[in-house]
Amino acid sequence: SRQTLWFKPGQPQLQHLIDKTLRNLLAMDNCVMAALYANTRKIGVLLADRGVGGEPISAEQHDSFNHFAQQANMGLAMLAVRAARC
C-alpha cells in the first residue's frame, strides 16, 4: 500500500508482515517503512530505524519520514512523466 508503516515496540499488529530474514537484518520493532512508486510502477522501499535498543521513533520523526517519502514519490512521478515524453 502507499501508507507509511510504523513498527513500534510492544505493538504486535504489524508483526505478521515481517519474515524471519527481515527480522534478523533490521530493527523491525522500532522502524518506519514506506513504498516508493513512480506513478503506478513500484520502485522500492524506504526504511528508517533507530537500531537495536535505540530510542523509540517519535511522532515527529514519523511525520518527517512520511513527508520525506511523499516528496520522494512525487519526485519519482515527475521523473517518470519526463521519461515518458522523451
Protein backbone atom coordinates (compact mmCIF):
# COMPACT_ATOMS: atom_id res chain seq x y z
CA SER A 1 0.00 0.00 0.00
CA ARG A 2 1.01 3.60 -0.18
CA GLN A 3 0.74 4.06 3.57
CA THR A 4 3.75 4.57 5.78
CA LEU A 5 4.04 1.72 8.25
CA TRP A 6 5.23 2.48 11.77
CA PHE A 7 6.52 -0.53 13.67
CA LYS A 8 6.54 0.40 17.36
CA PRO A 9 7.95 -1.56 20.30
CA GLY A 10 5.28 -3.59 22.05
CA GLN A 11 2.72 -3.31 19.24
CA PRO A 12 2.27 -6.68 17.51
CA GLN A 13 -0.39 -5.56 14.98
CA LEU A 14 2.01 -5.45 12.01
CA GLN A 15 4.41 -8.21 13.02
CA HIS A 16 2.74 -10.70 10.66
CA LEU A 17 4.20 -8.66 7.77
CA ILE A 18 7.78 -9.38 8.82
CA ASP A 19 9.52 -12.60 7.85
CA LYS A 20 12.46 -14.16 9.69
CA THR A 21 15.07 -12.79 7.27
CA LEU A 22 13.96 -9.17 7.73
CA ARG A 23 13.68 -9.62 11.47
CA ASN A 24 17.32 -10.80 11.60
CA LEU A 25 18.60 -7.94 9.41
CA LEU A 26 16.68 -4.95 10.73
CA ALA A 27 15.36 -3.50 13.97
CA MET A 28 11.80 -4.27 12.91
CA ASP A 29 10.26 -3.41 16.27
CA ASN A 30 11.41 0.22 16.02
CA CYS A 31 11.19 1.45 12.43
CA VAL A 32 9.15 3.22 9.77
CA MET A 33 8.71 1.91 6.25
CA ALA A 34 7.25 3.39 3.05
CA ALA A 35 6.86 2.14 -0.51
CA LEU A 36 8.42 4.09 -3.39
CA TYR A 37 6.40 4.50 -6.57
CA ALA A 38 6.82 6.23 -9.90
CA ASN A 39 3.15 6.75 -10.70
CA THR A 40 1.86 3.14 -10.68
CA ARG A 41 5.26 1.46 -11.01
CA LYS A 42 6.67 0.04 -7.78
CA ILE A 43 10.28 1.13 -7.31
CA GLY A 44 11.35 0.03 -3.84
CA VAL A 45 11.09 0.62 -0.12
CA LEU A 46 12.39 3.27 2.25
CA LEU A 47 13.16 2.11 5.77
CA ALA A 48 14.46 4.03 8.76
CA ASP A 49 15.19 2.62 12.19
CA ARG A 50 16.90 3.67 15.40
CA GLY A 51 18.90 0.47 15.64
CA VAL A 52 18.51 -2.38 18.07
CA GLY A 53 17.93 -0.97 21.52
CA GLY A 54 17.68 2.60 20.23
CA GLU A 55 15.19 5.15 21.48
CA PRO A 56 11.68 4.65 20.07
CA ILE A 57 10.81 6.67 17.00
CA SER A 58 8.86 9.78 17.97
CA ALA A 59 5.67 11.05 16.35
CA GLU A 60 7.65 13.99 14.96
CA GLN A 61 10.22 11.66 13.38
CA HIS A 62 7.41 9.55 11.92
CA ASP A 63 5.79 12.65 10.42
CA SER A 64 9.14 13.79 8.98
CA PHE A 65 9.76 10.36 7.45
CA ASN A 66 6.24 10.33 5.99
CA HIS A 67 6.81 13.76 4.45
CA PHE A 68 10.16 12.65 3.01
CA ALA A 69 8.54 9.55 1.48
CA GLN A 70 5.79 11.67 -0.08
CA GLN A 71 8.36 14.05 -1.56
CA ALA A 72 10.41 11.14 -2.92
CA ASN A 73 7.31 9.65 -4.56
CA MET A 74 6.38 12.99 -6.11
CA GLY A 75 9.91 13.35 -7.49
CA LEU A 76 9.83 9.83 -8.94
CA ALA A 77 6.42 10.51 -10.52
CA MET A 78 7.77 13.69 -12.16
CA LEU A 79 10.79 11.78 -13.49
CA ALA A 80 8.50 9.09 -14.90
CA VAL A 81 6.42 11.69 -16.73
CA ARG A 82 9.56 13.34 -18.08
CA ALA A 83 10.96 9.99 -19.27
CA ALA A 84 7.68 9.14 -21.00
CA ARG A 85 7.87 12.39 -23.00
CA CYS A 86 11.34 11.59 -24.36
